[in-house]
Amino acid sequence: MNTPFTRRRVPAALAAVALAVSLGALAPQASAEDGGAPFGPGCASVPKQGTGSLADLADDPVATAASKNPALSTLVTAVQKAGLVDTLNNAKGITVFAPTNDAFAKIPKADLDKVLADKATLTKILTYHVVDEPVKKADLADGSFKTLQGGTLTTAGSGDSYKVNDTASVVCGDVRTANATVHVIDTVLMPR
């Protein structure tokens, strides 16, 4: 059964917003053991120092860190509306696939507004973007991960080019926060 693209993307957009909030909070606390330096074309826009820099984000839990990144403001709003700030901030060793504002902008405004107003749907979408284990760059080459929502997401790629569910590109990966690894993505994911 096919469902309209916009109906499926609105929940995904909301999840992406929550993830973006989480990703914004991540900072590079990486070592040779737990991963590497952040990678991807989107990392160039992260401030080199001060508020929102990788060093600044590394000190905060993921949702708090995300709130410092203007490119994740839609995700932060979604995470707040879903009541997931404490859940994300208190989790340990999670990975967030965080959609950017541009990812949410791909969803028609009416659909996005509807999802943001539906806490159950929003929560389902946002928790689909969270994996309850560390997922480093090396794990992205050919991965399959169970999400907090209960579904599965897949990753594939090599070098600095990785896709999630064959639809979303990682634009800045391996960002570290105090409690999470964040992979910022360019498309909101839909639960499978």
N, C-alpha and C. Protein backbone atom coordinates (compact mmCIF):
# COMPACT_ATOMS: atom_id res chain seq x y z
N MET A 1 0.84 -1.17 0.00
CA MET A 1 0.00 0.00 0.00
C MET A 1 0.89 1.24 0.00
N ASN A 2 0.62 2.13 -0.89
CA ASN A 2 1.41 3.36 -0.97
C ASN A 2 0.70 4.46 -0.20
N THR A 3 1.47 5.20 0.57
CA THR A 3 0.90 6.35 1.27
C THR A 3 1.48 7.59 0.61
N PRO A 4 0.74 8.68 0.64
CA PRO A 4 1.24 9.90 0.00
C PRO A 4 2.59 10.28 0.59
N PHE A 5 3.45 10.77 -0.28
CA PHE A 5 4.81 11.16 0.10
C PHE A 5 4.79 12.16 1.25
N THR A 6 3.91 13.13 1.18
CA THR A 6 3.90 14.16 2.21
C THR A 6 3.46 13.61 3.55
N ARG A 7 2.56 12.65 3.58
CA ARG A 7 2.11 12.08 4.84
C ARG A 7 3.24 11.33 5.51
N ARG A 8 4.07 10.68 4.71
CA ARG A 8 5.17 9.90 5.27
C ARG A 8 6.33 10.81 5.64
N ARG A 9 6.51 11.90 4.92
CA ARG A 9 7.65 12.78 5.16
C ARG A 9 7.45 13.69 6.36
N VAL A 10 6.22 14.04 6.69
CA VAL A 10 6.00 14.93 7.81
C VAL A 10 6.51 14.29 9.09
N PRO A 11 6.14 13.03 9.39
CA PRO A 11 6.67 12.41 10.59
C PRO A 11 8.18 12.31 10.51
N ALA A 12 8.67 12.03 9.35
CA ALA A 12 10.12 11.90 9.19
C ALA A 12 10.78 13.24 9.45
N ALA A 13 10.15 14.30 9.01
CA ALA A 13 10.72 15.62 9.20
C ALA A 13 10.80 15.94 10.68
N LEU A 14 9.80 15.55 11.40
CA LEU A 14 9.81 15.82 12.83
C LEU A 14 10.92 15.05 13.51
N ALA A 15 11.08 13.82 13.10
CA ALA A 15 12.14 13.03 13.68
C ALA A 15 13.47 13.67 13.36
N ALA A 16 13.56 14.19 12.16
CA ALA A 16 14.80 14.82 11.75
C ALA A 16 15.09 16.03 12.60
N VAL A 17 14.06 16.75 12.95
CA VAL A 17 14.25 17.93 13.79
C VAL A 17 14.82 17.51 15.12
N ALA A 18 14.28 16.47 15.69
CA ALA A 18 14.77 16.01 16.98
C ALA A 18 16.21 15.58 16.86
N LEU A 19 16.54 14.93 15.78
CA LEU A 19 17.90 14.47 15.58
C LEU A 19 18.84 15.63 15.37
N ALA A 20 18.37 16.60 14.65
CA ALA A 20 19.20 17.76 14.39
C ALA A 20 19.56 18.42 15.70
N VAL A 21 18.61 18.46 16.61
CA VAL A 21 18.88 19.06 17.91
C VAL A 21 19.98 18.27 18.57
N SER A 22 19.85 16.97 18.49
CA SER A 22 20.85 16.12 19.12
C SER A 22 22.19 16.30 18.44
N LEU A 23 22.22 16.40 17.16
CA LEU A 23 23.47 16.53 16.42
C LEU A 23 24.15 17.84 16.72
N GLY A 24 23.37 18.87 16.87
CA GLY A 24 23.96 20.16 17.14
C GLY A 24 24.71 20.14 18.45
N ALA A 25 24.33 19.23 19.34
CA ALA A 25 24.96 19.16 20.64
C ALA A 25 26.26 18.39 20.62
N LEU A 26 26.46 17.59 19.62
CA LEU A 26 27.65 16.75 19.57
C LEU A 26 28.90 17.53 19.24
N ALA A 27 30.00 17.06 19.83
CA ALA A 27 31.27 17.71 19.54
C ALA A 27 32.35 16.65 19.42
N PRO A 28 33.50 17.03 18.84
CA PRO A 28 34.55 16.04 18.58
C PRO A 28 35.36 15.68 19.81
N GLN A 29 34.92 14.68 20.55
CA GLN A 29 35.69 14.17 21.67
C GLN A 29 36.24 12.83 21.23
N ALA A 30 36.57 12.74 19.99
CA ALA A 30 36.97 11.47 19.40
C ALA A 30 38.41 11.14 19.70
N SER A 31 38.64 9.85 19.76
CA SER A 31 40.00 9.35 19.90
C SER A 31 40.16 8.27 18.86
N ALA A 32 41.33 7.73 18.73
CA ALA A 32 41.56 6.67 17.75
C ALA A 32 40.68 5.48 18.08
N GLU A 33 40.31 5.30 19.36
CA GLU A 33 39.49 4.17 19.78
C GLU A 33 38.03 4.33 19.41
N ASP A 34 37.48 5.51 19.66
CA ASP A 34 36.03 5.67 19.51
C ASP A 34 35.61 6.33 18.21
N GLY A 35 36.49 6.54 17.33
CA GLY A 35 36.11 7.14 16.06
C GLY A 35 37.19 8.09 15.61
N GLY A 36 36.82 9.02 14.78
CA GLY A 36 37.80 9.97 14.29
C GLY A 36 37.25 11.36 14.34
N ALA A 37 37.89 12.21 13.59
CA ALA A 37 37.46 13.59 13.51
C ALA A 37 36.19 13.68 12.69
N PRO A 38 35.39 14.71 12.94
CA PRO A 38 34.19 14.91 12.13
C PRO A 38 34.57 14.97 10.65
N PHE A 39 33.66 14.49 9.79
CA PHE A 39 33.93 14.44 8.35
C PHE A 39 32.68 14.89 7.59
N GLY A 40 32.90 15.32 6.36
CA GLY A 40 31.80 15.69 5.47
C GLY A 40 31.80 17.17 5.16
N PRO A 41 31.19 17.55 4.03
CA PRO A 41 31.20 18.93 3.57
C PRO A 41 30.51 19.91 4.52
N GLY A 42 29.52 19.45 5.26
CA GLY A 42 28.79 20.34 6.17
C GLY A 42 29.59 20.74 7.39
N CYS A 43 30.65 20.02 7.69
CA CYS A 43 31.47 20.34 8.87
C CYS A 43 32.18 21.68 8.73
N ALA A 44 32.39 22.13 7.50
CA ALA A 44 33.09 23.39 7.26
C ALA A 44 32.32 24.59 7.83
N SER A 45 31.00 24.46 7.98
CA SER A 45 30.20 25.57 8.49
C SER A 45 30.14 25.64 10.01
N VAL A 46 30.70 24.66 10.69
CA VAL A 46 30.72 24.65 12.15
C VAL A 46 31.76 25.67 12.62
N PRO A 47 31.40 26.55 13.57
CA PRO A 47 32.37 27.54 14.05
C PRO A 47 33.65 26.88 14.56
N LYS A 48 34.79 27.48 14.30
CA LYS A 48 36.08 26.94 14.72
C LYS A 48 36.29 27.06 16.22
N GLN A 49 35.69 28.09 16.83
CA GLN A 49 35.82 28.29 18.27
C GLN A 49 34.60 29.02 18.80
N GLY A 50 34.44 28.99 20.12
CA GLY A 50 33.32 29.69 20.73
C GLY A 50 32.03 28.88 20.71
N THR A 51 30.91 29.57 20.90
CA THR A 51 29.61 28.93 20.94
C THR A 51 29.32 28.18 19.66
N GLY A 52 28.91 26.92 19.80
CA GLY A 52 28.58 26.11 18.63
C GLY A 52 29.76 25.41 18.00
N SER A 53 30.97 25.67 18.49
CA SER A 53 32.15 24.98 17.95
C SER A 53 32.14 23.54 18.42
N LEU A 54 32.93 22.70 17.78
CA LEU A 54 32.98 21.29 18.16
C LEU A 54 33.42 21.12 19.61
N ALA A 55 34.37 21.93 20.05
CA ALA A 55 34.83 21.85 21.44
C ALA A 55 33.71 22.25 22.40
N ASP A 56 32.93 23.25 22.03
CA ASP A 56 31.82 23.71 22.86
C ASP A 56 30.75 22.62 22.94
N LEU A 57 30.42 22.01 21.82
CA LEU A 57 29.37 20.99 21.77
C LEU A 57 29.76 19.74 22.56
N ALA A 58 31.03 19.42 22.58
CA ALA A 58 31.51 18.21 23.26
C ALA A 58 31.22 18.22 24.75
N ASP A 59 31.06 19.39 25.34
CA ASP A 59 30.83 19.50 26.78
C ASP A 59 29.37 19.32 27.17
N ASP A 60 28.46 19.38 26.22
CA ASP A 60 27.02 19.34 26.51
C ASP A 60 26.37 18.05 26.04
N PRO A 61 25.28 17.65 26.73
CA PRO A 61 24.52 16.51 26.21
C PRO A 61 23.89 16.89 24.88
N VAL A 62 23.52 15.90 24.09
CA VAL A 62 23.15 16.10 22.70
C VAL A 62 22.06 17.13 22.43
N ALA A 63 20.93 17.08 23.14
CA ALA A 63 19.84 18.03 22.86
C ALA A 63 20.27 19.46 23.18
N THR A 64 21.00 19.62 24.27
CA THR A 64 21.50 20.95 24.65
C THR A 64 22.48 21.44 23.59
N ALA A 65 23.37 20.56 23.15
CA ALA A 65 24.35 20.92 22.14
C ALA A 65 23.67 21.33 20.84
N ALA A 66 22.66 20.59 20.43
CA ALA A 66 21.95 20.89 19.18
C ALA A 66 21.36 22.29 19.21
N SER A 67 20.90 22.70 20.39
CA SER A 67 20.27 24.02 20.49
C SER A 67 21.25 25.16 20.22
N LYS A 68 22.54 24.86 20.20
CA LYS A 68 23.55 25.88 19.92
C LYS A 68 23.86 25.99 18.43
N ASN A 69 23.26 25.14 17.62
CA ASN A 69 23.54 25.12 16.19
C ASN A 69 22.32 25.64 15.43
N PRO A 70 22.38 26.84 14.84
CA PRO A 70 21.24 27.42 14.12
C PRO A 70 20.72 26.53 12.99
N ALA A 71 21.57 25.69 12.40
CA ALA A 71 21.15 24.82 11.30
C ALA A 71 20.29 23.66 11.78
N LEU A 72 20.16 23.52 13.10
CA LEU A 72 19.35 22.44 13.66
C LEU A 72 18.14 22.97 14.44
N SER A 73 17.79 24.22 14.23
CA SER A 73 16.71 24.83 15.02
C SER A 73 15.36 24.13 14.84
N THR A 74 15.06 23.63 13.64
CA THR A 74 13.78 22.94 13.43
C THR A 74 13.78 21.63 14.22
N LEU A 75 14.88 20.93 14.20
CA LEU A 75 15.01 19.69 14.97
C LEU A 75 14.85 19.97 16.46
N VAL A 76 15.47 21.00 16.93
CA VAL A 76 15.38 21.37 18.35
C VAL A 76 13.93 21.64 18.72
N THR A 77 13.23 22.38 17.88
CA THR A 77 11.81 22.67 18.13
C THR A 77 11.01 21.38 18.19
N ALA A 78 11.26 20.46 17.28
CA ALA A 78 10.54 19.19 17.24
C ALA A 78 10.83 18.36 18.49
N VAL A 79 12.06 18.33 18.90
CA VAL A 79 12.44 17.56 20.10
C VAL A 79 11.74 18.14 21.33
N GLN A 80 11.66 19.46 21.41
CA GLN A 80 10.96 20.10 22.53
C GLN A 80 9.48 19.77 22.50
N LYS A 81 8.85 19.86 21.33
CA LYS A 81 7.41 19.57 21.21
C LYS A 81 7.09 18.13 21.54
N ALA A 82 8.01 17.21 21.25
CA ALA A 82 7.81 15.80 21.54
C ALA A 82 8.14 15.46 23.00
N GLY A 83 8.72 16.41 23.73
CA GLY A 83 9.08 16.16 25.12
C GLY A 83 10.26 15.21 25.25
N LEU A 84 11.19 15.25 24.30
CA LEU A 84 12.32 14.32 24.28
C LEU A 84 13.65 14.91 24.74
N VAL A 85 13.65 16.15 25.17
CA VAL A 85 14.91 16.80 25.56
C VAL A 85 15.61 16.01 26.67
N ASP A 86 14.89 15.72 27.76
CA ASP A 86 15.50 14.99 28.88
C ASP A 86 15.89 13.58 28.48
N THR A 87 15.06 12.93 27.69
CA THR A 87 15.35 11.57 27.24
C THR A 87 16.67 11.53 26.49
N LEU A 88 16.85 12.45 25.55
CA LEU A 88 18.08 12.48 24.77
C LEU A 88 19.28 12.92 25.62
N ASN A 89 19.08 13.92 26.46
CA ASN A 89 20.18 14.42 27.27
C ASN A 89 20.66 13.42 28.33
N ASN A 90 19.76 12.56 28.79
CA ASN A 90 20.11 11.60 29.84
C ASN A 90 20.57 10.25 29.31
N ALA A 91 20.40 10.00 28.03
CA ALA A 91 20.82 8.73 27.43
C ALA A 91 22.34 8.67 27.37
N LYS A 92 22.88 7.47 27.38
CA LYS A 92 24.34 7.29 27.32
C LYS A 92 24.71 6.48 26.09
N GLY A 93 25.74 6.92 25.37
CA GLY A 93 26.27 6.16 24.26
C GLY A 93 25.34 5.99 23.07
N ILE A 94 24.50 6.98 22.81
CA ILE A 94 23.57 6.91 21.69
C ILE A 94 24.18 7.54 20.43
N THR A 95 23.51 7.29 19.32
CA THR A 95 23.87 7.93 18.05
C THR A 95 22.62 8.59 17.51
N VAL A 96 22.75 9.83 17.07
CA VAL A 96 21.63 10.57 16.51
C VAL A 96 21.93 10.90 15.05
N PHE A 97 21.01 10.55 14.18
CA PHE A 97 21.07 10.95 12.77
C PHE A 97 20.19 12.19 12.70
N ALA A 98 20.82 13.37 12.72
CA ALA A 98 20.12 14.63 12.90
C ALA A 98 19.86 15.35 11.58
N PRO A 99 18.58 15.52 11.23
CA PRO A 99 18.24 16.26 10.00
C PRO A 99 18.45 17.77 10.20
N THR A 100 18.95 18.41 9.17
CA THR A 100 19.15 19.86 9.19
C THR A 100 17.85 20.59 8.92
N ASN A 101 17.87 21.91 9.08
CA ASN A 101 16.70 22.73 8.73
C ASN A 101 16.34 22.53 7.26
N ASP A 102 17.35 22.43 6.39
CA ASP A 102 17.10 22.21 4.96
C ASP A 102 16.39 20.88 4.72
N ALA A 103 16.70 19.87 5.54
CA ALA A 103 16.02 18.58 5.42
C ALA A 103 14.54 18.74 5.72
N PHE A 104 14.23 19.48 6.75
CA PHE A 104 12.82 19.71 7.12
C PHE A 104 12.12 20.58 6.08
N ALA A 105 12.87 21.47 5.44
CA ALA A 105 12.29 22.36 4.43
C ALA A 105 11.82 21.58 3.20
N LYS A 106 12.28 20.36 3.03
CA LYS A 106 11.83 19.52 1.91
C LYS A 106 10.40 19.04 2.13
N ILE A 107 9.91 19.15 3.35
CA ILE A 107 8.55 18.72 3.69
C ILE A 107 7.61 19.92 3.54
N PRO A 108 6.48 19.74 2.85
CA PRO A 108 5.54 20.85 2.72
C PRO A 108 5.16 21.41 4.10
N LYS A 109 5.08 22.73 4.21
CA LYS A 109 4.84 23.39 5.50
C LYS A 109 3.59 22.87 6.19
N ALA A 110 2.52 22.67 5.47
CA ALA A 110 1.27 22.19 6.09
C ALA A 110 1.48 20.81 6.71
N ASP A 111 2.22 19.96 6.02
CA ASP A 111 2.50 18.62 6.54
C ASP A 111 3.39 18.67 7.78
N LEU A 112 4.41 19.51 7.71
CA LEU A 112 5.32 19.65 8.84
C LEU A 112 4.58 20.20 10.06
N ASP A 113 3.74 21.21 9.85
CA ASP A 113 2.96 21.78 10.96
C ASP A 113 2.06 20.73 11.58
N LYS A 114 1.48 19.87 10.75
CA LYS A 114 0.59 18.82 11.24
C LYS A 114 1.36 17.82 12.11
N VAL A 115 2.53 17.43 11.67
CA VAL A 115 3.35 16.48 12.44
C VAL A 115 3.82 17.12 13.76
N LEU A 116 4.22 18.37 13.69
CA LEU A 116 4.67 19.05 14.91
C LEU A 116 3.56 19.17 15.94
N ALA A 117 2.32 19.14 15.49
CA ALA A 117 1.17 19.24 16.39
C ALA A 117 0.71 17.87 16.89
N ASP A 118 1.25 16.79 16.35
CA ASP A 118 0.85 15.43 16.72
C ASP A 118 2.01 14.78 17.49
N LYS A 119 1.96 14.84 18.81
CA LYS A 119 3.08 14.39 19.64
C LYS A 119 3.44 12.92 19.40
N ALA A 120 2.44 12.05 19.25
CA ALA A 120 2.72 10.62 19.06
C ALA A 120 3.46 10.37 17.75
N THR A 121 3.00 11.00 16.67
CA THR A 121 3.66 10.84 15.37
C THR A 121 5.05 11.45 15.38
N LEU A 122 5.15 12.61 15.97
CA LEU A 122 6.45 13.31 16.07
C LEU A 122 7.46 12.47 16.84
N THR A 123 7.02 11.89 17.95
CA THR A 123 7.90 11.05 18.76
C THR A 123 8.37 9.84 17.97
N LYS A 124 7.45 9.23 17.23
CA LYS A 124 7.80 8.05 16.42
C LYS A 124 8.88 8.41 15.40
N ILE A 125 8.71 9.52 14.75
CA ILE A 125 9.67 9.95 13.72
C ILE A 125 11.03 10.29 14.34
N LEU A 126 11.00 11.06 15.40
CA LEU A 126 12.26 11.50 16.02
C LEU A 126 13.04 10.33 16.61
N THR A 127 12.35 9.40 17.27
CA THR A 127 13.05 8.26 17.87
C THR A 127 13.57 7.29 16.81
N TYR A 128 13.02 7.38 15.59
CA TYR A 128 13.56 6.57 14.49
C TYR A 128 14.96 7.05 14.09
N HIS A 129 15.29 8.27 14.42
CA HIS A 129 16.59 8.85 14.09
C HIS A 129 17.66 8.58 15.17
N VAL A 130 17.30 7.81 16.19
CA VAL A 130 18.22 7.57 17.31
C VAL A 130 18.51 6.07 17.45
N VAL A 131 19.79 5.75 17.57
CA VAL A 131 20.25 4.37 17.75
C VAL A 131 20.87 4.28 19.14
N ASP A 132 20.54 3.21 19.88
CA ASP A 132 20.97 3.05 21.26
C ASP A 132 22.36 2.42 21.38
N GLU A 133 23.28 2.87 20.53
CA GLU A 133 24.67 2.41 20.59
C GLU A 133 25.52 3.39 19.79
N PRO A 134 26.81 3.41 20.07
CA PRO A 134 27.69 4.28 19.29
C PRO A 134 27.81 3.76 17.85
N VAL A 135 27.63 4.64 16.87
CA VAL A 135 27.81 4.29 15.46
C VAL A 135 28.86 5.26 14.91
N LYS A 136 30.06 4.73 14.68
CA LYS A 136 31.16 5.54 14.19
C LYS A 136 31.24 5.47 12.66
N LYS A 137 32.08 6.31 12.11
CA LYS A 137 32.27 6.36 10.66
C LYS A 137 32.53 4.97 10.08
N ALA A 138 33.39 4.20 10.71
CA ALA A 138 33.72 2.86 10.20
C ALA A 138 32.50 1.94 10.14
N ASP A 139 31.52 2.19 11.01
CA ASP A 139 30.31 1.36 11.05
C ASP A 139 29.31 1.72 9.95
N LEU A 140 29.51 2.88 9.31
CA LEU A 140 28.56 3.36 8.31
C LEU A 140 28.70 2.68 6.95
N ALA A 141 29.83 2.03 6.69
CA ALA A 141 30.11 1.46 5.37
C ALA A 141 29.04 0.48 4.91
N ASP A 142 28.57 -0.34 5.81
CA ASP A 142 27.55 -1.35 5.48
C ASP A 142 26.84 -1.72 6.77
N GLY A 143 26.03 -0.81 7.29
CA GLY A 143 25.43 -1.02 8.60
C GLY A 143 23.93 -1.20 8.59
N SER A 144 23.44 -1.84 9.64
CA SER A 144 22.02 -2.02 9.89
C SER A 144 21.83 -1.86 11.39
N PHE A 145 21.00 -0.89 11.80
CA PHE A 145 20.90 -0.54 13.20
C PHE A 145 19.44 -0.44 13.65
N LYS A 146 19.14 -1.00 14.81
CA LYS A 146 17.80 -0.89 15.38
C LYS A 146 17.68 0.48 16.03
N THR A 147 16.56 1.15 15.79
CA THR A 147 16.35 2.49 16.33
C THR A 147 15.52 2.43 17.61
N LEU A 148 15.50 3.53 18.35
CA LEU A 148 14.68 3.59 19.56
C LEU A 148 13.20 3.45 19.23
N GLN A 149 12.82 3.80 18.02
CA GLN A 149 11.42 3.67 17.59
C GLN A 149 11.06 2.21 17.39
N GLY A 150 12.07 1.35 17.19
CA GLY A 150 11.82 -0.08 16.99
C GLY A 150 12.07 -0.56 15.58
N GLY A 151 12.22 0.38 14.66
CA GLY A 151 12.50 0.03 13.27
C GLY A 151 13.99 -0.14 13.05
N THR A 152 14.36 -0.31 11.79
CA THR A 152 15.76 -0.48 11.43
C THR A 152 16.14 0.55 10.38
N LEU A 153 17.33 1.12 10.52
CA LEU A 153 17.85 1.99 9.47
C LEU A 153 19.15 1.37 8.98
N THR A 154 19.47 1.65 7.71
CA THR A 154 20.66 1.08 7.10
C THR A 154 21.58 2.19 6.62
N THR A 155 22.86 1.88 6.56
CA THR A 155 23.85 2.83 6.07
C THR A 155 24.77 2.15 5.07
N ALA A 156 25.29 2.94 4.14
CA ALA A 156 26.22 2.42 3.15
C ALA A 156 27.09 3.56 2.63
N GLY A 157 28.29 3.21 2.18
CA GLY A 157 29.17 4.22 1.62
C GLY A 157 30.63 3.92 1.90
N SER A 158 31.47 4.91 1.59
CA SER A 158 32.91 4.77 1.83
C SER A 158 33.54 6.15 1.82
N GLY A 159 34.80 6.22 2.26
CA GLY A 159 35.50 7.50 2.29
C GLY A 159 34.79 8.48 3.20
N ASP A 160 34.36 9.61 2.65
CA ASP A 160 33.59 10.60 3.41
C ASP A 160 32.17 10.71 2.86
N SER A 161 31.71 9.73 2.09
CA SER A 161 30.39 9.76 1.47
C SER A 161 29.54 8.57 1.94
N TYR A 162 28.50 8.88 2.73
CA TYR A 162 27.65 7.84 3.29
C TYR A 162 26.18 8.21 3.13
N LYS A 163 25.35 7.18 2.93
CA LYS A 163 23.90 7.35 2.81
C LYS A 163 23.22 6.59 3.94
N VAL A 164 22.08 7.11 4.35
CA VAL A 164 21.25 6.45 5.35
C VAL A 164 19.93 6.11 4.65
N ASN A 165 19.54 4.83 4.71
CA ASN A 165 18.33 4.35 4.05
C ASN A 165 18.29 4.70 2.56
N ASP A 166 19.44 4.81 1.93
CA ASP A 166 19.56 5.11 0.51
C ASP A 166 18.98 6.47 0.11
N THR A 167 18.57 7.29 1.08
CA THR A 167 17.93 8.57 0.74
C THR A 167 18.63 9.79 1.33
N ALA A 168 19.15 9.66 2.54
CA ALA A 168 19.75 10.80 3.23
C ALA A 168 21.27 10.71 3.18
N SER A 169 21.91 11.82 2.86
CA SER A 169 23.38 11.87 2.86
C SER A 169 23.87 12.43 4.19
N VAL A 170 24.97 11.88 4.68
CA VAL A 170 25.60 12.41 5.89
C VAL A 170 26.39 13.64 5.44
N VAL A 171 26.03 14.81 5.98
CA VAL A 171 26.72 16.04 5.59
C VAL A 171 27.82 16.43 6.58
N CYS A 172 27.70 15.95 7.81
CA CYS A 172 28.75 16.15 8.81
C CYS A 172 28.62 15.01 9.81
N GLY A 173 29.56 14.10 9.78
CA GLY A 173 29.47 12.92 10.62
C GLY A 173 30.51 12.89 11.72
N ASP A 174 30.29 11.98 12.67
CA ASP A 174 31.18 11.76 13.81
C ASP A 174 31.37 13.01 14.67
N VAL A 175 30.31 13.76 14.85
CA VAL A 175 30.33 14.90 15.76
C VAL A 175 30.07 14.34 17.17
N ARG A 176 30.85 14.76 18.14
CA ARG A 176 30.72 14.22 19.49
C ARG A 176 30.09 15.24 20.44
N THR A 177 29.23 14.70 21.30
CA THR A 177 28.70 15.48 22.41
C THR A 177 29.06 14.72 23.67
N ALA A 178 28.63 15.23 24.80
CA ALA A 178 28.97 14.58 26.07
C ALA A 178 28.41 13.16 26.15
N ASN A 179 27.30 12.88 25.45
CA ASN A 179 26.67 11.57 25.58
C ASN A 179 26.31 10.90 24.26
N ALA A 180 26.71 11.48 23.14
CA ALA A 180 26.26 10.93 21.86
C ALA A 180 27.23 11.18 20.73
N THR A 181 27.03 10.39 19.67
CA THR A 181 27.69 10.63 18.39
C THR A 181 26.60 11.14 17.48
N VAL A 182 26.88 12.17 16.72
CA VAL A 182 25.87 12.75 15.83
C VAL A 182 26.36 12.69 14.39
N HIS A 183 25.44 12.26 13.52
CA HIS A 183 25.68 12.29 12.07
C HIS A 183 24.58 13.19 11.52
N VAL A 184 24.95 14.37 11.06
CA VAL A 184 23.99 15.32 10.52
C VAL A 184 23.64 14.88 9.10
N ILE A 185 22.33 14.83 8.80
CA ILE A 185 21.87 14.34 7.50
C ILE A 185 21.01 15.38 6.79
N ASP A 186 20.87 15.21 5.46
CA ASP A 186 20.18 16.22 4.64
C ASP A 186 18.73 15.89 4.31
N THR A 187 18.21 14.80 4.87
CA THR A 187 16.82 14.39 4.60
C THR A 187 16.24 13.78 5.87
N VAL A 188 14.97 14.06 6.15
CA VAL A 188 14.29 13.45 7.29
C VAL A 188 13.97 12.00 6.92
N LEU A 189 14.25 11.11 7.84
CA LEU A 189 14.02 9.68 7.62
C LEU A 189 12.60 9.29 8.03
N MET A 190 12.02 8.34 7.29
CA MET A 190 10.70 7.82 7.64
C MET A 190 10.86 6.45 8.30
N PRO A 191 10.17 6.21 9.40
CA PRO A 191 10.28 4.91 10.07
C PRO A 191 9.93 3.76 9.14
N ARG A 192 10.70 2.68 9.25
CA ARG A 192 10.44 1.46 8.46
C ARG A 192 10.04 0.35 9.41
